[in-house]
Amino acid sequence: MKFQPLKHLPSIFIGFVFVQSLFFKFSGSYETDYIFSTLGDWSGLAWFGTYGAYMVGTGELIATILLFSRWHGLGALFSVGVMSGAIVFHLFTPLGIIMPEFNAAGEIVAYDGGLLFGMACLVWLSAAFLTIRDLKSETGVLNKLFNAVFNKGNAL
């Protein structure tokens, strides 16, 4: 496969952000506990506070794997969906944009200044770019899927 900067660089960025966040989501870090317990309390869905990080982390892992497969467009679309949820939760819930940072004892030692939210926005923009690019490409899986669903030829 030939290196295509407009396809591979955004994919690498998205994959990097998603994979490095897996440690936090799967290890029960204080930051992850804070985020998902806040959302669980706000929504009234206590199970989301307990299992939400695992669900989101699994979604991010699946999206990353798809981004580096022939199903690249689906990975990009899935990434848009995951990050849309993150952005909405940051903007329209008590979670907010600025997240606390914790030390090893679980005490708040600083705030991230909106870095987590900013990264979510950059990942969303990268994934939206890749999604649109795949929809417009004749060889894109989203283009083929769209055409197959709406009977416009180019069936899968």
N, C-alpha and C. Protein backbone atom coordinates (compact mmCIF):
# COMPACT_ATOMS: atom_id res chain seq x y z
N MET A 1 0.84 -1.17 0.00
CA MET A 1 0.00 0.00 0.00
C MET A 1 0.89 1.24 0.00
N LYS A 2 0.60 2.13 -0.91
CA LYS A 2 1.37 3.37 -1.04
C LYS A 2 0.96 4.37 0.04
N PHE A 3 1.93 5.06 0.61
CA PHE A 3 1.66 6.07 1.63
C PHE A 3 0.94 7.25 0.99
N GLN A 4 -0.22 7.58 1.55
CA GLN A 4 -1.02 8.72 1.09
C GLN A 4 -1.17 9.68 2.28
N PRO A 5 -0.42 10.76 2.30
CA PRO A 5 -0.41 11.65 3.47
C PRO A 5 -1.79 12.13 3.90
N LEU A 6 -2.67 12.47 2.95
CA LEU A 6 -3.99 12.97 3.32
C LEU A 6 -4.88 11.90 3.94
N LYS A 7 -4.54 10.67 3.73
CA LYS A 7 -5.29 9.56 4.33
C LYS A 7 -4.59 9.06 5.60
N HIS A 8 -3.30 8.86 5.51
CA HIS A 8 -2.59 8.19 6.59
C HIS A 8 -2.22 9.10 7.76
N LEU A 9 -1.87 10.34 7.53
CA LEU A 9 -1.49 11.22 8.64
C LEU A 9 -2.66 11.48 9.60
N PRO A 10 -3.87 11.82 9.09
CA PRO A 10 -4.98 11.96 10.04
C PRO A 10 -5.32 10.64 10.75
N SER A 11 -5.18 9.53 10.05
CA SER A 11 -5.45 8.22 10.65
C SER A 11 -4.45 7.93 11.78
N ILE A 12 -3.19 8.25 11.54
CA ILE A 12 -2.17 8.05 12.57
C ILE A 12 -2.46 8.92 13.79
N PHE A 13 -2.85 10.17 13.55
CA PHE A 13 -3.19 11.07 14.65
C PHE A 13 -4.36 10.52 15.46
N ILE A 14 -5.42 10.13 14.79
CA ILE A 14 -6.59 9.58 15.48
C ILE A 14 -6.20 8.32 16.25
N GLY A 15 -5.49 7.43 15.58
CA GLY A 15 -5.06 6.19 16.24
C GLY A 15 -4.19 6.46 17.46
N PHE A 16 -3.28 7.41 17.36
CA PHE A 16 -2.43 7.76 18.49
C PHE A 16 -3.26 8.24 19.67
N VAL A 17 -4.18 9.17 19.42
CA VAL A 17 -5.01 9.70 20.51
C VAL A 17 -5.85 8.59 21.13
N PHE A 18 -6.48 7.78 20.30
CA PHE A 18 -7.33 6.71 20.83
C PHE A 18 -6.53 5.67 21.60
N VAL A 19 -5.43 5.22 21.04
CA VAL A 19 -4.65 4.15 21.69
C VAL A 19 -4.01 4.63 22.99
N GLN A 20 -3.48 5.85 23.01
CA GLN A 20 -2.87 6.32 24.25
C GLN A 20 -3.91 6.53 25.34
N SER A 21 -5.17 6.77 24.96
CA SER A 21 -6.21 6.95 25.98
C SER A 21 -6.72 5.62 26.53
N LEU A 22 -6.41 4.52 25.86
CA LEU A 22 -6.89 3.21 26.32
C LEU A 22 -6.35 2.86 27.70
N PHE A 23 -5.10 3.24 27.96
CA PHE A 23 -4.53 2.97 29.28
C PHE A 23 -5.41 3.58 30.38
N PHE A 24 -5.82 4.82 30.17
CA PHE A 24 -6.64 5.50 31.17
C PHE A 24 -8.02 4.85 31.29
N LYS A 25 -8.61 4.52 30.15
CA LYS A 25 -9.96 3.95 30.17
C LYS A 25 -9.99 2.54 30.73
N PHE A 26 -8.97 1.75 30.48
CA PHE A 26 -8.99 0.36 30.91
C PHE A 26 -8.31 0.13 32.26
N SER A 27 -7.65 1.15 32.81
CA SER A 27 -6.95 0.95 34.08
C SER A 27 -7.68 1.59 35.26
N GLY A 28 -8.79 2.27 34.99
CA GLY A 28 -9.53 2.90 36.08
C GLY A 28 -8.81 4.08 36.69
N SER A 29 -8.17 4.90 35.86
CA SER A 29 -7.44 6.06 36.37
C SER A 29 -8.41 7.04 37.03
N TYR A 30 -7.87 7.91 37.86
CA TYR A 30 -8.70 8.90 38.55
C TYR A 30 -9.42 9.81 37.55
N GLU A 31 -8.72 10.19 36.47
CA GLU A 31 -9.34 11.05 35.47
C GLU A 31 -10.54 10.37 34.83
N THR A 32 -10.37 9.11 34.47
CA THR A 32 -11.45 8.35 33.85
C THR A 32 -12.61 8.16 34.82
N ASP A 33 -12.29 7.82 36.07
CA ASP A 33 -13.34 7.68 37.08
C ASP A 33 -14.12 8.97 37.24
N TYR A 34 -13.41 10.09 37.27
CA TYR A 34 -14.07 11.39 37.41
C TYR A 34 -15.03 11.64 36.25
N ILE A 35 -14.55 11.45 35.03
CA ILE A 35 -15.35 11.73 33.84
C ILE A 35 -16.60 10.86 33.80
N PHE A 36 -16.41 9.56 33.92
CA PHE A 36 -17.54 8.66 33.74
C PHE A 36 -18.47 8.60 34.95
N SER A 37 -17.96 8.83 36.15
CA SER A 37 -18.86 8.90 37.30
C SER A 37 -19.68 10.19 37.25
N THR A 38 -19.08 11.29 36.78
CA THR A 38 -19.83 12.54 36.59
C THR A 38 -20.97 12.32 35.60
N LEU A 39 -20.67 11.66 34.49
CA LEU A 39 -21.71 11.41 33.48
C LEU A 39 -22.75 10.41 33.98
N GLY A 40 -22.31 9.40 34.72
CA GLY A 40 -23.25 8.44 35.29
C GLY A 40 -24.19 9.10 36.29
N ASP A 41 -23.65 9.95 37.15
CA ASP A 41 -24.48 10.67 38.13
C ASP A 41 -25.45 11.61 37.43
N TRP A 42 -24.96 12.35 36.44
CA TRP A 42 -25.78 13.30 35.72
C TRP A 42 -26.93 12.62 34.98
N SER A 43 -26.63 11.49 34.34
CA SER A 43 -27.63 10.81 33.52
C SER A 43 -28.58 9.93 34.34
N GLY A 44 -28.20 9.63 35.57
CA GLY A 44 -28.99 8.70 36.37
C GLY A 44 -28.73 7.25 36.00
N LEU A 45 -27.75 7.02 35.17
CA LEU A 45 -27.38 5.66 34.75
C LEU A 45 -26.11 5.27 35.48
N ALA A 46 -26.27 4.73 36.67
CA ALA A 46 -25.11 4.40 37.50
C ALA A 46 -24.16 3.44 36.80
N TRP A 47 -24.71 2.54 35.99
CA TRP A 47 -23.86 1.57 35.28
C TRP A 47 -22.90 2.27 34.32
N PHE A 48 -23.29 3.47 33.81
CA PHE A 48 -22.40 4.17 32.88
C PHE A 48 -21.14 4.66 33.60
N GLY A 49 -21.29 5.04 34.85
CA GLY A 49 -20.13 5.43 35.63
C GLY A 49 -19.16 4.30 35.83
N THR A 50 -19.69 3.08 35.91
CA THR A 50 -18.86 1.89 36.12
C THR A 50 -18.30 1.32 34.82
N TYR A 51 -19.15 1.24 33.79
CA TYR A 51 -18.76 0.54 32.56
C TYR A 51 -18.57 1.43 31.34
N GLY A 52 -18.91 2.70 31.45
CA GLY A 52 -18.82 3.60 30.30
C GLY A 52 -17.44 3.70 29.70
N ALA A 53 -16.42 3.76 30.54
CA ALA A 53 -15.05 3.88 30.03
C ALA A 53 -14.66 2.66 29.21
N TYR A 54 -15.09 1.48 29.66
CA TYR A 54 -14.78 0.26 28.91
C TYR A 54 -15.50 0.26 27.57
N MET A 55 -16.74 0.73 27.57
CA MET A 55 -17.51 0.77 26.32
C MET A 55 -16.90 1.76 25.33
N VAL A 56 -16.59 2.95 25.80
CA VAL A 56 -16.01 3.96 24.92
C VAL A 56 -14.61 3.52 24.46
N GLY A 57 -13.82 2.99 25.37
CA GLY A 57 -12.49 2.52 25.01
C GLY A 57 -12.53 1.41 23.97
N THR A 58 -13.48 0.51 24.10
CA THR A 58 -13.64 -0.56 23.11
C THR A 58 -14.03 0.03 21.76
N GLY A 59 -14.92 1.02 21.77
CA GLY A 59 -15.30 1.69 20.53
C GLY A 59 -14.11 2.38 19.87
N GLU A 60 -13.29 3.04 20.67
CA GLU A 60 -12.10 3.70 20.13
C GLU A 60 -11.11 2.69 19.56
N LEU A 61 -10.96 1.56 20.22
CA LEU A 61 -10.06 0.52 19.72
C LEU A 61 -10.57 -0.05 18.39
N ILE A 62 -11.86 -0.31 18.30
CA ILE A 62 -12.43 -0.82 17.04
C ILE A 62 -12.25 0.21 15.93
N ALA A 63 -12.52 1.48 16.23
CA ALA A 63 -12.35 2.54 15.22
C ALA A 63 -10.90 2.60 14.73
N THR A 64 -9.96 2.48 15.66
CA THR A 64 -8.54 2.53 15.29
C THR A 64 -8.17 1.36 14.39
N ILE A 65 -8.62 0.17 14.74
CA ILE A 65 -8.33 -1.00 13.90
C ILE A 65 -8.91 -0.81 12.51
N LEU A 66 -10.15 -0.32 12.43
CA LEU A 66 -10.78 -0.11 11.13
C LEU A 66 -10.04 0.95 10.31
N LEU A 67 -9.50 1.97 10.96
CA LEU A 67 -8.78 3.03 10.24
C LEU A 67 -7.57 2.50 9.49
N PHE A 68 -7.02 1.40 9.95
CA PHE A 68 -5.82 0.83 9.32
C PHE A 68 -6.13 -0.46 8.59
N SER A 69 -7.37 -0.56 8.10
CA SER A 69 -7.79 -1.72 7.32
C SER A 69 -8.42 -1.24 6.02
N ARG A 70 -8.92 -2.16 5.24
CA ARG A 70 -9.60 -1.76 4.01
C ARG A 70 -10.94 -1.10 4.31
N TRP A 71 -11.39 -1.17 5.56
CA TRP A 71 -12.64 -0.55 6.00
C TRP A 71 -12.37 0.83 6.61
N HIS A 72 -11.35 1.50 6.09
CA HIS A 72 -10.88 2.79 6.57
C HIS A 72 -12.02 3.80 6.77
N GLY A 73 -12.90 3.90 5.80
CA GLY A 73 -13.99 4.86 5.87
C GLY A 73 -14.93 4.61 7.03
N LEU A 74 -15.19 3.33 7.31
CA LEU A 74 -16.05 3.00 8.46
C LEU A 74 -15.36 3.38 9.77
N GLY A 75 -14.05 3.19 9.84
CA GLY A 75 -13.30 3.61 11.02
C GLY A 75 -13.37 5.11 11.22
N ALA A 76 -13.30 5.86 10.13
CA ALA A 76 -13.40 7.32 10.21
C ALA A 76 -14.80 7.73 10.67
N LEU A 77 -15.82 7.11 10.10
CA LEU A 77 -17.20 7.43 10.48
C LEU A 77 -17.46 7.06 11.94
N PHE A 78 -16.95 5.92 12.37
CA PHE A 78 -17.09 5.49 13.76
C PHE A 78 -16.37 6.46 14.69
N SER A 79 -15.22 6.96 14.27
CA SER A 79 -14.46 7.94 15.06
C SER A 79 -15.25 9.24 15.20
N VAL A 80 -15.92 9.66 14.13
CA VAL A 80 -16.77 10.85 14.21
C VAL A 80 -17.86 10.64 15.25
N GLY A 81 -18.46 9.46 15.24
CA GLY A 81 -19.52 9.17 16.20
C GLY A 81 -19.04 9.19 17.64
N VAL A 82 -17.92 8.54 17.89
CA VAL A 82 -17.37 8.49 19.25
C VAL A 82 -17.02 9.89 19.74
N MET A 83 -16.35 10.66 18.89
CA MET A 83 -15.95 12.01 19.29
C MET A 83 -17.12 12.97 19.36
N SER A 84 -18.16 12.74 18.58
CA SER A 84 -19.37 13.57 18.70
C SER A 84 -19.96 13.41 20.09
N GLY A 85 -19.99 12.17 20.57
CA GLY A 85 -20.47 11.94 21.93
C GLY A 85 -19.62 12.65 22.96
N ALA A 86 -18.31 12.57 22.81
CA ALA A 86 -17.41 13.23 23.76
C ALA A 86 -17.63 14.74 23.77
N ILE A 87 -17.73 15.33 22.60
CA ILE A 87 -17.91 16.78 22.50
C ILE A 87 -19.24 17.21 23.10
N VAL A 88 -20.30 16.47 22.79
CA VAL A 88 -21.62 16.79 23.36
C VAL A 88 -21.58 16.69 24.88
N PHE A 89 -20.98 15.63 25.40
CA PHE A 89 -20.91 15.48 26.86
C PHE A 89 -20.10 16.61 27.51
N HIS A 90 -19.04 17.04 26.86
CA HIS A 90 -18.25 18.15 27.41
C HIS A 90 -19.04 19.46 27.41
N LEU A 91 -19.80 19.70 26.35
CA LEU A 91 -20.49 20.98 26.20
C LEU A 91 -21.81 21.08 26.95
N PHE A 92 -22.54 19.97 27.05
CA PHE A 92 -23.92 20.06 27.52
C PHE A 92 -24.22 19.27 28.79
N THR A 93 -23.21 18.91 29.54
CA THR A 93 -23.40 18.23 30.81
C THR A 93 -22.54 18.92 31.87
N PRO A 94 -22.68 18.52 33.13
CA PRO A 94 -21.83 19.12 34.17
C PRO A 94 -20.34 18.82 34.00
N LEU A 95 -19.99 17.93 33.08
CA LEU A 95 -18.59 17.59 32.86
C LEU A 95 -17.77 18.84 32.53
N GLY A 96 -18.25 19.63 31.60
CA GLY A 96 -17.55 20.87 31.23
C GLY A 96 -16.36 20.64 30.33
N ILE A 97 -15.70 21.73 30.01
CA ILE A 97 -14.58 21.70 29.06
C ILE A 97 -13.24 21.50 29.76
N ILE A 98 -13.08 22.07 30.93
CA ILE A 98 -11.80 22.00 31.65
C ILE A 98 -11.86 20.84 32.65
N MET A 99 -10.93 19.89 32.48
CA MET A 99 -10.90 18.68 33.31
C MET A 99 -9.82 18.77 34.38
N PRO A 100 -10.11 18.20 35.55
CA PRO A 100 -9.08 18.17 36.60
C PRO A 100 -8.00 17.14 36.28
N GLU A 101 -6.80 17.38 36.79
CA GLU A 101 -5.70 16.43 36.72
C GLU A 101 -5.43 15.96 38.13
N PHE A 102 -5.13 14.68 38.28
CA PHE A 102 -4.97 14.08 39.60
C PHE A 102 -3.55 13.58 39.81
N ASN A 103 -3.12 13.54 41.08
CA ASN A 103 -1.84 12.92 41.39
C ASN A 103 -2.09 11.45 41.72
N ALA A 104 -1.04 10.74 42.13
CA ALA A 104 -1.14 9.30 42.40
C ALA A 104 -2.07 8.99 43.57
N ALA A 105 -2.29 9.96 44.44
CA ALA A 105 -3.17 9.75 45.60
C ALA A 105 -4.63 10.08 45.27
N GLY A 106 -4.89 10.51 44.05
CA GLY A 106 -6.25 10.84 43.66
C GLY A 106 -6.69 12.24 44.02
N GLU A 107 -5.75 13.10 44.33
CA GLU A 107 -6.06 14.48 44.68
C GLU A 107 -5.93 15.36 43.44
N ILE A 108 -6.83 16.32 43.30
CA ILE A 108 -6.75 17.25 42.17
C ILE A 108 -5.54 18.16 42.39
N VAL A 109 -4.66 18.17 41.39
CA VAL A 109 -3.44 18.99 41.50
C VAL A 109 -3.40 20.12 40.48
N ALA A 110 -4.21 20.01 39.44
CA ALA A 110 -4.22 21.04 38.40
C ALA A 110 -5.45 20.81 37.51
N TYR A 111 -5.57 21.66 36.52
CA TYR A 111 -6.63 21.53 35.51
C TYR A 111 -5.99 21.57 34.14
N ASP A 112 -6.60 20.87 33.18
CA ASP A 112 -5.96 20.72 31.87
C ASP A 112 -6.15 21.90 30.92
N GLY A 113 -6.91 22.91 31.33
CA GLY A 113 -7.10 24.08 30.48
C GLY A 113 -7.89 23.79 29.21
N GLY A 114 -8.62 22.69 29.18
CA GLY A 114 -9.42 22.33 28.01
C GLY A 114 -8.70 21.46 27.01
N LEU A 115 -7.53 20.92 27.38
CA LEU A 115 -6.74 20.10 26.47
C LEU A 115 -7.51 18.87 25.99
N LEU A 116 -8.17 18.16 26.89
CA LEU A 116 -8.91 16.96 26.51
C LEU A 116 -10.01 17.30 25.52
N PHE A 117 -10.74 18.39 25.78
CA PHE A 117 -11.79 18.84 24.88
C PHE A 117 -11.20 19.24 23.52
N GLY A 118 -10.10 19.96 23.55
CA GLY A 118 -9.43 20.37 22.31
C GLY A 118 -8.99 19.18 21.47
N MET A 119 -8.46 18.16 22.13
CA MET A 119 -8.05 16.95 21.41
C MET A 119 -9.26 16.25 20.80
N ALA A 120 -10.37 16.22 21.54
CA ALA A 120 -11.60 15.62 21.00
C ALA A 120 -12.04 16.36 19.74
N CYS A 121 -11.95 17.68 19.75
CA CYS A 121 -12.32 18.47 18.58
C CYS A 121 -11.39 18.22 17.40
N LEU A 122 -10.09 18.13 17.66
CA LEU A 122 -9.13 17.85 16.58
C LEU A 122 -9.33 16.44 16.00
N VAL A 123 -9.60 15.47 16.86
CA VAL A 123 -9.87 14.12 16.37
C VAL A 123 -11.15 14.12 15.54
N TRP A 124 -12.17 14.84 16.01
CA TRP A 124 -13.43 14.92 15.27
C TRP A 124 -13.20 15.53 13.88
N LEU A 125 -12.46 16.63 13.82
CA LEU A 125 -12.18 17.27 12.53
C LEU A 125 -11.41 16.34 11.60
N SER A 126 -10.42 15.65 12.14
CA SER A 126 -9.63 14.71 11.32
C SER A 126 -10.52 13.58 10.80
N ALA A 127 -11.36 13.04 11.67
CA ALA A 127 -12.23 11.94 11.29
C ALA A 127 -13.30 12.40 10.29
N ALA A 128 -13.83 13.61 10.48
CA ALA A 128 -14.82 14.14 9.53
C ALA A 128 -14.18 14.32 8.15
N PHE A 129 -12.94 14.82 8.13
CA PHE A 129 -12.21 14.97 6.87
C PHE A 129 -12.07 13.62 6.18
N LEU A 130 -11.65 12.59 6.93
CA LEU A 130 -11.47 11.27 6.35
C LEU A 130 -12.79 10.66 5.88
N THR A 131 -13.86 10.92 6.62
CA THR A 131 -15.18 10.41 6.25
C THR A 131 -15.63 11.02 4.93
N ILE A 132 -15.51 12.34 4.81
CA ILE A 132 -15.91 13.03 3.57
C ILE A 132 -15.03 12.58 2.42
N ARG A 133 -13.75 12.44 2.68
CA ARG A 133 -12.81 11.99 1.64
C ARG A 133 -13.19 10.60 1.13
N ASP A 134 -13.56 9.70 2.05
CA ASP A 134 -13.95 8.34 1.66
C ASP A 134 -15.28 8.34 0.91
N LEU A 135 -16.21 9.20 1.32
CA LEU A 135 -17.50 9.30 0.62
C LEU A 135 -17.32 9.78 -0.81
N LYS A 136 -16.36 10.68 -1.04
CA LYS A 136 -16.14 11.25 -2.37
C LYS A 136 -15.27 10.37 -3.27
N SER A 137 -14.53 9.45 -2.68
CA SER A 137 -13.62 8.60 -3.45
C SER A 137 -14.39 7.45 -4.09
N GLU A 138 -14.15 7.22 -5.37
CA GLU A 138 -14.82 6.12 -6.07
C GLU A 138 -14.46 4.77 -5.46
N THR A 139 -13.28 4.67 -4.86
CA THR A 139 -12.86 3.40 -4.26
C THR A 139 -13.16 3.34 -2.77
N GLY A 140 -13.73 4.40 -2.21
CA GLY A 140 -14.01 4.44 -0.78
C GLY A 140 -15.14 3.50 -0.38
N VAL A 141 -14.97 2.84 0.74
CA VAL A 141 -15.98 1.91 1.21
C VAL A 141 -17.29 2.64 1.54
N LEU A 142 -17.22 3.84 2.07
CA LEU A 142 -18.45 4.60 2.36
C LEU A 142 -19.16 4.99 1.07
N ASN A 143 -18.39 5.36 0.04
CA ASN A 143 -18.98 5.67 -1.25
C ASN A 143 -19.71 4.45 -1.81
N LYS A 144 -19.05 3.30 -1.78
CA LYS A 144 -19.66 2.07 -2.29
C LYS A 144 -20.89 1.68 -1.48
N LEU A 145 -20.79 1.80 -0.17
CA LEU A 145 -21.92 1.47 0.70
C LEU A 145 -23.09 2.41 0.45
N PHE A 146 -22.80 3.71 0.35
CA PHE A 146 -23.83 4.70 0.08
C PHE A 146 -24.53 4.39 -1.24
N ASN A 147 -23.75 4.12 -2.29
CA ASN A 147 -24.32 3.82 -3.60
C ASN A 147 -25.12 2.52 -3.59
N ALA A 148 -24.66 1.53 -2.85
CA ALA A 148 -25.39 0.26 -2.78
C ALA A 148 -26.72 0.44 -2.06
N VAL A 149 -26.71 1.20 -0.99
CA VAL A 149 -27.93 1.40 -0.20
C VAL A 149 -28.95 2.21 -0.98
N PHE A 150 -28.50 3.20 -1.72
CA PHE A 150 -29.42 4.07 -2.43
C PHE A 150 -29.52 3.73 -3.92
N ASN A 151 -29.12 2.49 -4.29
CA ASN A 151 -29.29 1.96 -5.64
C ASN A 151 -28.74 2.87 -6.73
N LYS A 152 -27.53 3.34 -6.53
CA LYS A 152 -26.92 4.21 -7.53
C LYS A 152 -25.76 3.52 -8.22
N GLY A 153 -25.73 2.20 -8.23
CA GLY A 153 -24.64 1.47 -8.86
C GLY A 153 -23.47 1.29 -7.92
N ASN A 154 -22.34 0.80 -8.47
CA ASN A 154 -21.13 0.57 -7.67
C ASN A 154 -21.41 -0.27 -6.43
N ALA A 155 -22.15 -1.33 -6.57
CA ALA A 155 -22.48 -2.18 -5.42
C ALA A 155 -21.22 -2.75 -4.82
N LEU A 156 -21.30 -3.09 -3.54
CA LEU A 156 -20.16 -3.65 -2.83
C LEU A 156 -19.72 -4.90 -3.52
